[in-house]
Amino acid sequence: MRAAFEAMGFANVIRIGGSGKPDGTAEAHLAATEDGTVQRYKVGLEAKSGQPVTAHRLNVSGIARHMEDYSCDHHLVIGNGFATSTGDDSASVREINTHKQNTGKTITLMHIDDLARLVRIASAKRIGGLSRLRGLFKDCVTPEQSKEWVDALSVEEPERRPYQEILETIWQLVQEQPSEAVEYAAVVTELRHRNPSVRMTKTELIECCKAMQVLASGVVYARERTVEINRRPDLIVEDIRLAVGQYPEVERRTIHI
């Protein structure tokens, strides 16, 4: 789960664990809107291995305490199956919905396969970043709802991500100043000077670099303030195409590299 959330662009993804504690937390560092509305949020992480998760193992009241103790806005529970997912009349679902009504905080149940699909889709498509992903936590409770949310995302036709242009710009900056790390701000500036110009915010650039880090593992390194590549851009693009080629067809046919 930690690797999954880091791949999707979350910050401060930490492992906690232990009795009476969540498995971890992850933060979405989003800027406030023009009218001052806070958009950043924090997600508690819980992984339930083994057999389908019963209401007793889920322990909604325990999750609620975790969320309060660690100041989480949302909580995601991942499992191989959920014995409690019998529809809106499920006792656990009613308890989760009551918690949302009372606190404004949400709990989402999700199958591990759907989390894996979400990571692949978020890495390969420009889906709107962490603000878009918040819709999963705000709108979905049952694993069936989570699956439907990922299903809808998988068939969207997104705009092409400018991976080639970003990699070529990073490569150019490395050649010009081989003794210095390449900062995101410098890449944003150089992208605007390309012909044709590529205009994107630093946040969007970091999102793209983190996606490439997943798709081209071991050759792209998206760090906190800098980015590093250790192959020619054309070879990295080929690595990305090969990685996407391994995806299920339903996901692959809507991804444009």
C-alpha atoms as a PDB file:
ATOM      1  CA  MET A   1       0.000   0.000   0.000  1.00  0.00           C
ATOM      2  CA  ARG A   2       2.858   2.369   0.772  1.00  0.00           C
ATOM      3  CA  ALA A   3       4.411   1.784  -2.660  1.00  0.00           C
ATOM      4  CA  ALA A   4       1.003   2.204  -4.309  1.00  0.00           C
ATOM      5  CA  PHE A   5       0.329   5.566  -2.693  1.00  0.00           C
ATOM      6  CA  GLU A   6       3.833   6.857  -3.387  1.00  0.00           C
ATOM      7  CA  ALA A   7       3.396   5.855  -7.040  1.00  0.00           C
ATOM      8  CA  MET A   8       0.152   7.849  -7.216  1.00  0.00           C
ATOM      9  CA  GLY A   9       1.879  10.988  -5.951  1.00  0.00           C
ATOM     10  CA  PHE A  10       1.022  11.082  -2.247  1.00  0.00           C
ATOM     11  CA  ALA A  11       3.543  12.573   0.183  1.00  0.00           C
ATOM     12  CA  ASN A  12       4.654  11.547   3.686  1.00  0.00           C
ATOM     13  CA  VAL A  13       3.572   7.959   3.069  1.00  0.00           C
ATOM     14  CA  ILE A  14       4.600   6.307   6.303  1.00  0.00           C
ATOM     15  CA  ARG A  15       4.283   2.860   7.825  1.00  0.00           C
ATOM     16  CA  ILE A  16       2.869   2.753  11.342  1.00  0.00           C
ATOM     17  CA  GLY A  17       1.374  -0.627  12.271  1.00  0.00           C
ATOM     18  CA  GLY A  18       1.041  -2.235  15.646  1.00  0.00           C
ATOM     19  CA  SER A  19      -1.904  -2.957  17.901  1.00  0.00           C
ATOM     20  CA  GLY A  20      -4.546  -0.248  17.915  1.00  0.00           C
ATOM     21  CA  LYS A  21      -2.893   1.705  15.066  1.00  0.00           C
ATOM     22  CA  PRO A  22      -3.448   2.028  11.316  1.00  0.00           C
ATOM     23  CA  ASP A  23      -0.970   0.319   8.992  1.00  0.00           C
ATOM     24  CA  GLY A  24       0.048   3.729   7.688  1.00  0.00           C
ATOM     25  CA  THR A  25      -0.969   7.174   6.466  1.00  0.00           C
ATOM     26  CA  ALA A  26      -0.511   9.189   3.275  1.00  0.00           C
ATOM     27  CA  GLU A  27      -0.970  12.883   2.589  1.00  0.00           C
ATOM     28  CA  ALA A  28      -2.150  14.783  -0.478  1.00  0.00           C
ATOM     29  CA  HIS A  29      -0.388  18.147  -0.482  1.00  0.00           C
ATOM     30  CA  LEU A  30      -2.762  20.263  -2.560  1.00  0.00           C
ATOM     31  CA  ALA A  31      -2.843  24.050  -2.687  1.00  0.00           C
ATOM     32  CA  ALA A  32      -5.914  25.887  -1.459  1.00  0.00           C
ATOM     33  CA  THR A  33      -8.391  27.224  -4.024  1.00  0.00           C
ATOM     34  CA  GLU A  34      -8.569  30.924  -4.921  1.00  0.00           C
ATOM     35  CA  ASP A  35     -11.319  31.456  -2.345  1.00  0.00           C
ATOM     36  CA  GLY A  36      -9.174  29.868   0.377  1.00  0.00           C
ATOM     37  CA  THR A  37     -10.828  26.455   0.485  1.00  0.00           C
ATOM     38  CA  VAL A  38      -8.406  23.865   1.857  1.00  0.00           C
ATOM     39  CA  GLN A  39      -7.924  20.935  -0.531  1.00  0.00           C
ATOM     40  CA  ARG A  40      -5.129  18.943   1.086  1.00  0.00           C
ATOM     41  CA  TYR A  41      -6.170  15.739   2.823  1.00  0.00           C
ATOM     42  CA  LYS A  42      -4.815  12.739   4.701  1.00  0.00           C
ATOM     43  CA  VAL A  43      -5.686   9.069   4.213  1.00  0.00           C
ATOM     44  CA  GLY A  44      -5.331   6.279   6.752  1.00  0.00           C
ATOM     45  CA  LEU A  45      -4.195   2.954   5.247  1.00  0.00           C
ATOM     46  CA  GLU A  46      -5.225  -0.531   6.323  1.00  0.00           C
ATOM     47  CA  ALA A  47      -4.447  -3.881   4.671  1.00  0.00           C
ATOM     48  CA  LYS A  48      -6.403  -6.995   5.661  1.00  0.00           C
ATOM     49  CA  SER A  49      -4.737 -10.166   4.393  1.00  0.00           C
ATOM     50  CA  GLY A  50      -6.088 -13.709   4.256  1.00  0.00           C
ATOM     51  CA  GLN A  51      -9.761 -14.619   4.234  1.00  0.00           C
ATOM     52  CA  PRO A  52     -12.623 -12.238   3.349  1.00  0.00           C
ATOM     53  CA  VAL A  53     -12.909  -9.414   5.854  1.00  0.00           C
ATOM     54  CA  THR A  54     -15.770  -9.938   8.287  1.00  0.00           C
ATOM     55  CA  ALA A  55     -17.495  -7.156  10.198  1.00  0.00           C
ATOM     56  CA  HIS A  56     -15.523  -8.190  13.297  1.00  0.00           C
ATOM     57  CA  ARG A  57     -12.170  -7.935  11.487  1.00  0.00           C
ATOM     58  CA  LEU A  58     -13.169  -4.667   9.824  1.00  0.00           C
ATOM     59  CA  ASN A  59     -13.960  -3.029  13.176  1.00  0.00           C
ATOM     60  CA  VAL A  60     -15.401   0.288  12.006  1.00  0.00           C
ATOM     61  CA  SER A  61     -15.282   1.801  15.485  1.00  0.00           C
ATOM     62  CA  GLY A  62     -11.569   0.984  15.693  1.00  0.00           C
ATOM     63  CA  ILE A  63     -10.945   2.635  12.319  1.00  0.00           C
ATOM     64  CA  ALA A  64     -12.827   5.713  13.526  1.00  0.00           C
ATOM     65  CA  ARG A  65     -10.454   5.946  16.507  1.00  0.00           C
ATOM     66  CA  HIS A  66      -7.438   5.609  14.189  1.00  0.00           C
ATOM     67  CA  MET A  67      -8.739   8.446  12.039  1.00  0.00           C
ATOM     68  CA  GLU A  68      -9.189  10.690  15.054  1.00  0.00           C
ATOM     69  CA  ASP A  69      -5.789   9.812  16.547  1.00  0.00           C
ATOM     70  CA  TYR A  70      -3.924  10.492  13.275  1.00  0.00           C
ATOM     71  CA  SER A  71      -6.080  13.378  11.974  1.00  0.00           C
ATOM     72  CA  CYS A  72      -7.170  11.501   8.829  1.00  0.00           C
ATOM     73  CA  ASP A  73      -9.905  12.785   6.549  1.00  0.00           C
ATOM     74  CA  HIS A  74     -10.373   9.407   4.851  1.00  0.00           C
ATOM     75  CA  HIS A  75      -9.447   5.785   5.470  1.00  0.00           C
ATOM     76  CA  LEU A  76      -8.881   3.047   2.882  1.00  0.00           C
ATOM     77  CA  VAL A  77      -9.185  -0.635   3.770  1.00  0.00           C
ATOM     78  CA  ILE A  78      -7.722  -3.115   1.252  1.00  0.00           C
ATOM     79  CA  GLY A  79      -8.601  -6.809   1.280  1.00  0.00           C
ATOM     80  CA  ASN A  80      -8.878  -9.965  -0.816  1.00  0.00           C
ATOM     81  CA  GLY A  81     -12.630  -9.973  -0.223  1.00  0.00           C
ATOM     82  CA  PHE A  82     -15.237  -8.518   2.100  1.00  0.00           C
ATOM     83  CA  ALA A  83     -17.846 -10.688   3.753  1.00  0.00           C
ATOM     84  CA  THR A  84     -19.556  -7.459   4.808  1.00  0.00           C
ATOM     85  CA  SER A  85     -20.163  -6.194   1.262  1.00  0.00           C
ATOM     86  CA  THR A  86     -23.756  -7.360   0.882  1.00  0.00           C
ATOM     87  CA  GLY A  87     -25.147  -4.024  -0.287  1.00  0.00           C
ATOM     88  CA  ASP A  88     -26.441  -0.902   1.361  1.00  0.00           C
ATOM     89  CA  ASP A  89     -28.218  -2.924   4.048  1.00  0.00           C
ATOM     90  CA  SER A  90     -24.913  -4.292   5.382  1.00  0.00           C
ATOM     91  CA  ALA A  91     -24.441  -3.455   9.062  1.00  0.00           C
ATOM     92  CA  SER A  92     -20.851  -2.313   8.453  1.00  0.00           C
ATOM     93  CA  VAL A  93     -21.890  -0.094   5.556  1.00  0.00           C
ATOM     94  CA  ARG A  94     -24.596   1.492   7.713  1.00  0.00           C
ATOM     95  CA  GLU A  95     -22.024   2.076  10.450  1.00  0.00           C
ATOM     96  CA  ILE A  96     -19.596   3.664   7.961  1.00  0.00           C
ATOM     97  CA  ASN A  97     -22.314   5.925   6.573  1.00  0.00           C
ATOM     98  CA  THR A  98     -23.342   6.980  10.070  1.00  0.00           C
ATOM     99  CA  HIS A  99     -19.723   7.851  10.847  1.00  0.00           C
ATOM    100  CA  LYS A 100     -19.594   9.989   7.690  1.00  0.00           C
ATOM    101  CA  GLN A 101     -22.796  11.810   8.603  1.00  0.00           C
ATOM    102  CA  ASN A 102     -21.539  12.536  12.128  1.00  0.00           C
ATOM    103  CA  THR A 103     -17.960  13.539  11.303  1.00  0.00           C
ATOM    104  CA  GLY A 104     -17.663  14.239   7.569  1.00  0.00           C
ATOM    105  CA  LYS A 105     -14.870  11.642   7.465  1.00  0.00           C
ATOM    106  CA  THR A 106     -15.110   8.632   5.148  1.00  0.00           C
ATOM    107  CA  ILE A 107     -14.100   4.965   5.100  1.00  0.00           C
ATOM    108  CA  THR A 108     -13.650   3.130   1.782  1.00  0.00           C
ATOM    109  CA  LEU A 109     -13.390  -0.638   1.212  1.00  0.00           C
ATOM    110  CA  MET A 110     -11.483  -1.857  -1.843  1.00  0.00           C
ATOM    111  CA  HIS A 111     -10.250  -5.134  -3.353  1.00  0.00           C
ATOM    112  CA  ILE A 112      -6.482  -5.382  -3.757  1.00  0.00           C
ATOM    113  CA  ASP A 113      -6.866  -6.056  -7.514  1.00  0.00           C
ATOM    114  CA  ASP A 114      -8.723  -2.772  -7.945  1.00  0.00           C
ATOM    115  CA  LEU A 115      -5.978  -0.880  -6.099  1.00  0.00           C
ATOM    116  CA  ALA A 116      -3.428  -2.443  -8.481  1.00  0.00           C
ATOM    117  CA  ARG A 117      -5.542  -1.350 -11.460  1.00  0.00           C
ATOM    118  CA  LEU A 118      -5.806   2.165 -10.036  1.00  0.00           C
ATOM    119  CA  VAL A 119      -2.018   2.437  -9.704  1.00  0.00           C
ATOM    120  CA  ARG A 120      -1.536   1.324 -13.330  1.00  0.00           C
ATOM    121  CA  ILE A 121      -4.158   3.755 -14.621  1.00  0.00           C
ATOM    122  CA  ALA A 122      -2.920   6.683 -12.525  1.00  0.00           C
ATOM    123  CA  SER A 123       0.639   6.062 -13.732  1.00  0.00           C
ATOM    124  CA  ALA A 124      -0.222   5.858 -17.420  1.00  0.00           C
ATOM    125  CA  LYS A 125      -2.972   8.471 -17.707  1.00  0.00           C
ATOM    126  CA  ARG A 126      -3.304  12.120 -16.836  1.00  0.00           C
ATOM    127  CA  ILE A 127      -6.390  11.734 -14.668  1.00  0.00           C
ATOM    128  CA  GLY A 128      -6.463  14.956 -12.675  1.00  0.00           C
ATOM    129  CA  GLY A 129      -4.063  14.130  -9.872  1.00  0.00           C
ATOM    130  CA  LEU A 130      -4.754  13.794  -6.182  1.00  0.00           C
ATOM    131  CA  SER A 131      -7.802  16.064  -6.255  1.00  0.00           C
ATOM    132  CA  ARG A 132      -9.472  13.638  -8.687  1.00  0.00           C
ATOM    133  CA  LEU A 133      -8.458  10.609  -6.620  1.00  0.00           C
ATOM    134  CA  ARG A 134     -10.205  12.114  -3.620  1.00  0.00           C
ATOM    135  CA  GLY A 135     -13.473  11.282  -5.354  1.00  0.00           C
ATOM    136  CA  LEU A 136     -12.792   7.615  -4.660  1.00  0.00           C
ATOM    137  CA  PHE A 137     -12.551   8.224  -0.930  1.00  0.00           C
ATOM    138  CA  LYS A 138     -15.447  10.683  -0.746  1.00  0.00           C
ATOM    139  CA  ASP A 139     -17.952   8.774  -2.888  1.00  0.00           C
ATOM    140  CA  CYS A 140     -17.207   5.063  -2.383  1.00  0.00           C
ATOM    141  CA  VAL A 141     -17.882   2.877   0.639  1.00  0.00           C
ATOM    142  CA  THR A 142     -18.329  -0.704  -0.569  1.00  0.00           C
ATOM    143  CA  PRO A 143     -15.738  -2.588  -2.668  1.00  0.00           C
ATOM    144  CA  GLU A 144     -18.342  -2.773  -5.432  1.00  0.00           C
ATOM    145  CA  GLN A 145     -18.542   1.025  -5.539  1.00  0.00           C
ATOM    146  CA  SER A 146     -14.735   1.255  -5.561  1.00  0.00           C
ATOM    147  CA  LYS A 147     -14.582  -1.155  -8.498  1.00  0.00           C
ATOM    148  CA  GLU A 148     -17.156   0.868 -10.431  1.00  0.00           C
ATOM    149  CA  TRP A 149     -15.150   4.043  -9.797  1.00  0.00           C
ATOM    150  CA  VAL A 150     -11.956   2.462 -11.165  1.00  0.00           C
ATOM    151  CA  ASP A 151     -13.911   0.895 -14.065  1.00  0.00           C
ATOM    152  CA  ALA A 152     -15.151   4.343 -15.107  1.00  0.00           C
ATOM    153  CA  LEU A 153     -11.646   5.767 -14.895  1.00  0.00           C
ATOM    154  CA  SER A 154     -10.174   2.933 -16.969  1.00  0.00           C
ATOM    155  CA  VAL A 155     -12.292   3.672 -20.054  1.00  0.00           C
ATOM    156  CA  GLU A 156     -11.712   7.431 -20.109  1.00  0.00           C
ATOM    157  CA  GLU A 157      -9.768   8.857 -23.057  1.00  0.00           C
ATOM    158  CA  PRO A 158      -7.253  11.169 -21.365  1.00  0.00           C
ATOM    159  CA  GLU A 159      -5.023  13.758 -22.952  1.00  0.00           C
ATOM    160  CA  ARG A 160      -1.564  12.510 -23.889  1.00  0.00           C
ATOM    161  CA  ARG A 161       1.095  13.039 -21.272  1.00  0.00           C
ATOM    162  CA  PRO A 162       4.189  14.799 -22.706  1.00  0.00           C
ATOM    163  CA  TYR A 163       6.651  12.148 -21.505  1.00  0.00           C
ATOM    164  CA  GLN A 164       8.949  12.492 -24.530  1.00  0.00           C
ATOM    165  CA  GLU A 165       9.172  16.280 -24.193  1.00  0.00           C
ATOM    166  CA  ILE A 166       9.823  16.094 -20.442  1.00  0.00           C
ATOM    167  CA  LEU A 167      12.559  13.479 -20.827  1.00  0.00           C
ATOM    168  CA  GLU A 168      14.261  15.386 -23.650  1.00  0.00           C
ATOM    169  CA  THR A 169      14.221  18.563 -21.549  1.00  0.00           C
ATOM    170  CA  ILE A 170      15.706  16.784 -18.526  1.00  0.00           C
ATOM    171  CA  TRP A 171      18.368  15.237 -20.772  1.00  0.00           C
ATOM    172  CA  GLN A 172      19.205  18.662 -22.226  1.00  0.00           C
ATOM    173  CA  LEU A 173      19.614  20.203 -18.755  1.00  0.00           C
ATOM    174  CA  VAL A 174      21.869  17.324 -17.694  1.00  0.00           C
ATOM    175  CA  GLN A 175      24.124  17.894 -20.717  1.00  0.00           C
ATOM    176  CA  GLU A 176      24.314  21.621 -20.027  1.00  0.00           C
ATOM    177  CA  GLN A 177      25.096  21.273 -16.310  1.00  0.00           C
ATOM    178  CA  PRO A 178      26.289  17.702 -15.651  1.00  0.00           C
ATOM    179  CA  SER A 179      27.495  18.496 -12.128  1.00  0.00           C
ATOM    180  CA  GLU A 180      24.119  19.781 -10.881  1.00  0.00           C
ATOM    181  CA  ALA A 181      20.846  18.039 -10.045  1.00  0.00           C
ATOM    182  CA  VAL A 182      17.909  18.903 -12.307  1.00  0.00           C
ATOM    183  CA  GLU A 183      15.215  20.758 -10.372  1.00  0.00           C
ATOM    184  CA  TYR A 184      11.556  20.626 -11.390  1.00  0.00           C
ATOM    185  CA  ALA A 185      11.366  24.421 -11.631  1.00  0.00           C
ATOM    186  CA  ALA A 186      14.102  24.445 -14.284  1.00  0.00           C
ATOM    187  CA  VAL A 187      12.294  21.774 -16.289  1.00  0.00           C
ATOM    188  CA  VAL A 188       9.017  23.752 -16.197  1.00  0.00           C
ATOM    189  CA  THR A 189      10.818  26.843 -17.523  1.00  0.00           C
ATOM    190  CA  GLU A 190      12.605  24.974 -20.318  1.00  0.00           C
ATOM    191  CA  LEU A 191       9.417  23.207 -21.389  1.00  0.00           C
ATOM    192  CA  ARG A 192       7.812  26.594 -22.020  1.00  0.00           C
ATOM    193  CA  HIS A 193      10.715  27.539 -24.291  1.00  0.00           C
ATOM    194  CA  ARG A 194      10.260  24.482 -26.506  1.00  0.00           C
ATOM    195  CA  ASN A 195       8.752  24.788 -29.957  1.00  0.00           C
ATOM    196  CA  PRO A 196       5.915  24.015 -29.665  1.00  0.00           C
ATOM    197  CA  SER A 197       5.733  25.166 -26.069  1.00  0.00           C
ATOM    198  CA  VAL A 198       4.674  22.734 -23.344  1.00  0.00           C
ATOM    199  CA  ARG A 199       2.924  24.511 -20.496  1.00  0.00           C
ATOM    200  CA  MET A 200       2.397  22.706 -17.208  1.00  0.00           C
ATOM    201  CA  THR A 201       2.623  23.509 -13.524  1.00  0.00           C
ATOM    202  CA  LYS A 202       5.322  22.140 -11.269  1.00  0.00           C
ATOM    203  CA  THR A 203       2.718  19.924  -9.594  1.00  0.00           C
ATOM    204  CA  GLU A 204       1.700  18.453 -12.965  1.00  0.00           C
ATOM    205  CA  LEU A 205       5.356  17.885 -13.863  1.00  0.00           C
ATOM    206  CA  ILE A 206       6.053  16.060 -10.602  1.00  0.00           C
ATOM    207  CA  GLU A 207       2.969  13.932 -11.189  1.00  0.00           C
ATOM    208  CA  CYS A 208       4.277  12.968 -14.650  1.00  0.00           C
ATOM    209  CA  CYS A 209       7.775  12.220 -13.341  1.00  0.00           C
ATOM    210  CA  LYS A 210       6.415  10.007 -10.577  1.00  0.00           C
ATOM    211  CA  ALA A 211       4.314   8.184 -13.157  1.00  0.00           C
ATOM    212  CA  MET A 212       7.396   7.592 -15.311  1.00  0.00           C
ATOM    213  CA  GLN A 213       9.247   6.338 -12.244  1.00  0.00           C
ATOM    214  CA  VAL A 214       6.619   3.581 -11.986  1.00  0.00           C
ATOM    215  CA  LEU A 215       6.488   2.814 -15.709  1.00  0.00           C
ATOM    216  CA  ALA A 216      10.261   2.909 -16.241  1.00  0.00           C
ATOM    217  CA  SER A 217      11.465   1.501 -12.945  1.00  0.00           C
ATOM    218  CA  GLY A 218      15.171   1.907 -12.294  1.00  0.00           C
ATOM    219  CA  VAL A 219      15.816   4.579 -14.925  1.00  0.00           C
ATOM    220  CA  VAL A 220      13.651   7.516 -13.775  1.00  0.00           C
ATOM    221  CA  TYR A 221      13.934   8.846 -10.224  1.00  0.00           C
ATOM    222  CA  ALA A 222      11.384  11.463  -9.147  1.00  0.00           C
ATOM    223  CA  ARG A 223      12.676  12.919  -5.904  1.00  0.00           C
ATOM    224  CA  GLU A 224      11.211  15.642  -3.691  1.00  0.00           C
ATOM    225  CA  ARG A 225      12.732  18.627  -5.539  1.00  0.00           C
ATOM    226  CA  THR A 226      14.724  17.066  -8.364  1.00  0.00           C
ATOM    227  CA  VAL A 227      14.417  14.446 -11.096  1.00  0.00           C
ATOM    228  CA  GLU A 228      17.072  12.101 -12.481  1.00  0.00           C
ATOM    229  CA  ILE A 229      17.207   9.869 -15.556  1.00  0.00           C
ATOM    230  CA  ASN A 230      19.966   7.449 -16.474  1.00  0.00           C
ATOM    231  CA  ARG A 231      19.061   6.481 -20.043  1.00  0.00           C
ATOM    232  CA  ARG A 232      18.480   8.330 -23.300  1.00  0.00           C
ATOM    233  CA  PRO A 233      14.934   9.733 -23.586  1.00  0.00           C
ATOM    234  CA  ASP A 234      14.025   7.593 -26.611  1.00  0.00           C
ATOM    235  CA  LEU A 235      15.030   4.414 -24.756  1.00  0.00           C
ATOM    236  CA  ILE A 236      13.005   5.394 -21.691  1.00  0.00           C
ATOM    237  CA  VAL A 237       9.935   6.063 -23.851  1.00  0.00           C
ATOM    238  CA  GLU A 238      10.373   2.581 -25.297  1.00  0.00           C
ATOM    239  CA  ASP A 239      10.574   1.172 -21.747  1.00  0.00           C
ATOM    240  CA  ILE A 240       7.290   2.934 -20.943  1.00  0.00           C
ATOM    241  CA  ARG A 241       5.611   1.556 -24.061  1.00  0.00           C
ATOM    242  CA  LEU A 242       6.767  -1.955 -23.182  1.00  0.00           C
ATOM    243  CA  ALA A 243       5.423  -1.571 -19.622  1.00  0.00           C
ATOM    244  CA  VAL A 244       2.037  -0.349 -20.859  1.00  0.00           C
ATOM    245  CA  GLY A 245       2.015  -3.226 -23.366  1.00  0.00           C
ATOM    246  CA  GLN A 246       1.784  -5.628 -20.420  1.00  0.00           C
ATOM    247  CA  TYR A 247      -1.439  -4.030 -19.164  1.00  0.00           C
ATOM    248  CA  PRO A 248      -4.819  -5.710 -19.773  1.00  0.00           C
ATOM    249  CA  GLU A 249      -6.248  -4.702 -23.156  1.00  0.00           C
ATOM    250  CA  VAL A 250      -9.180  -2.765 -21.661  1.00  0.00           C
ATOM    251  CA  GLU A 251      -6.670  -0.441 -19.948  1.00  0.00           C
ATOM    252  CA  ARG A 252      -4.076  -0.432 -22.724  1.00  0.00           C
ATOM    253  CA  ARG A 253      -6.345   0.750 -25.534  1.00  0.00           C
ATOM    254  CA  THR A 254      -7.131   4.068 -23.851  1.00  0.00           C
ATOM    255  CA  ILE A 255      -3.495   4.953 -23.035  1.00  0.00           C
ATOM    256  CA  HIS A 256      -1.549   7.095 -25.490  1.00  0.00           C
ATOM    257  CA  ILE A 257       2.222   7.456 -25.045  1.00  0.00           C
END
